[in-house]
Amino acid sequence: MTEALTVCHCDRRGWDNRVWGKSQKKSLSVPVVIDDPYKERAMMAIPSERLMITYVIDYPGTPIGTQRASYTVTPDVFLQRISKARTFGLDI
């Protein structure tokens, strides 16, 4: 994905249609909450004009601990911050 974004020369005004295909605006009209109390996780989507992502991870008693990240997603933010994120594993 990051290669495709770099090749298309996406700019700060938005995502280039050569990567994402025909432009279609999609939006929420009401908040949406998905909760899984058994696995202690939840997700919420709130209507907005911008794509904003906030993520909180909590692994008490591990080197990871509690961490929080919050981004207003733009092509630059995606390429510089989000696309470089990696997964990890813990032996608990």
Protein backbone atom coordinates (compact mmCIF):
# COMPACT_ATOMS: atom_id res chain seq x y z
CA MET A 1 0.00 0.00 0.00
CA THR A 2 2.72 2.48 0.90
CA GLU A 3 4.48 1.83 -2.42
CA ALA A 4 1.26 2.53 -4.31
CA LEU A 5 0.71 5.78 -2.39
CA THR A 6 4.28 6.92 -3.01
CA VAL A 7 4.16 6.08 -6.71
CA CYS A 8 0.90 7.98 -7.25
CA HIS A 9 2.36 11.15 -5.68
CA CYS A 10 -0.58 11.64 -3.34
CA ASP A 11 -0.67 15.14 -1.92
CA ARG A 12 -2.03 16.81 1.21
CA ARG A 13 -5.43 17.45 -0.40
CA GLY A 14 -6.48 13.81 -0.31
CA TRP A 15 -6.00 10.30 -1.58
CA ASP A 16 -5.33 9.89 -5.28
CA ASN A 17 -8.04 8.00 -7.21
CA ARG A 18 -5.38 5.94 -9.02
CA VAL A 19 -4.85 4.09 -5.72
CA TRP A 20 -8.37 4.06 -4.30
CA GLY A 21 -10.43 3.79 -7.51
CA LYS A 22 -13.52 5.85 -8.23
CA SER A 23 -14.10 8.43 -5.53
CA GLN A 24 -17.20 7.75 -3.46
CA LYS A 25 -17.88 9.64 -0.25
CA LYS A 26 -18.97 7.32 2.53
CA SER A 27 -20.01 8.56 5.93
CA LEU A 28 -21.71 7.64 9.18
CA SER A 29 -24.87 9.41 10.29
CA VAL A 30 -24.97 7.99 13.85
CA PRO A 31 -22.32 6.73 16.29
CA VAL A 32 -21.55 2.99 16.14
CA VAL A 33 -20.17 1.02 19.10
CA ILE A 34 -18.95 -2.57 19.04
CA ASP A 35 -18.15 -4.00 22.47
CA ASP A 36 -16.71 -7.39 23.40
CA PRO A 37 -16.68 -7.47 27.22
CA TYR A 38 -15.44 -11.07 27.28
CA LYS A 39 -12.19 -10.10 25.55
CA GLU A 40 -12.16 -6.63 27.14
CA ARG A 41 -12.08 -4.69 23.88
CA ALA A 42 -14.30 -2.19 22.15
CA MET A 43 -14.45 -0.07 19.02
CA MET A 44 -16.39 3.14 18.39
CA ALA A 45 -17.00 5.12 15.20
CA ILE A 46 -18.38 8.66 15.41
CA PRO A 47 -19.55 10.76 12.45
CA SER A 48 -16.93 13.32 11.39
CA GLU A 49 -15.75 15.20 8.32
CA ARG A 50 -12.23 13.79 8.87
CA LEU A 51 -10.83 10.32 9.47
CA MET A 52 -9.49 10.39 13.02
CA ILE A 53 -8.15 7.30 14.77
CA THR A 54 -7.33 6.91 18.46
CA TYR A 55 -5.98 3.63 19.76
CA VAL A 56 -5.30 2.62 23.36
CA ILE A 57 -3.50 -0.59 24.27
CA ASP A 58 -3.17 -1.83 27.85
CA TYR A 59 -0.91 -4.70 28.83
CA PRO A 60 -0.37 -4.20 32.58
CA GLY A 61 2.72 -5.84 34.03
CA THR A 62 4.55 -5.96 30.68
CA PRO A 63 7.14 -3.66 29.11
CA ILE A 64 4.39 -2.40 26.77
CA GLY A 65 2.18 -1.15 29.59
CA THR A 66 -0.49 1.35 28.51
CA GLN A 67 0.08 3.28 25.31
CA ARG A 68 -2.09 5.68 23.32
CA ALA A 69 -1.87 6.99 19.76
CA SER A 70 -4.17 9.47 18.05
CA TYR A 71 -4.03 10.60 14.43
CA THR A 72 -6.03 12.64 11.96
CA VAL A 73 -5.34 10.46 8.93
CA THR A 74 -3.95 12.12 5.81
CA PRO A 75 -1.74 10.59 3.12
CA ASP A 76 1.35 12.04 4.86
CA VAL A 77 0.34 10.71 8.29
CA PHE A 78 -0.43 7.29 6.82
CA LEU A 79 2.92 7.07 5.04
CA GLN A 80 5.03 8.48 7.87
CA ARG A 81 3.36 6.99 10.96
CA ILE A 82 0.67 4.35 10.42
CA SER A 83 2.20 2.29 7.59
CA LYS A 84 5.31 1.68 9.70
CA ALA A 85 3.36 0.11 12.58
CA ARG A 86 4.13 -3.52 13.31
CA THR A 87 2.53 -6.31 15.28
CA PHE A 88 4.09 -7.99 18.29
CA GLY A 89 3.62 -11.03 20.48
CA LEU A 90 3.84 -11.62 24.20
CA ASP A 91 4.51 -14.83 26.07
CA ILE A 92 2.23 -14.26 29.05
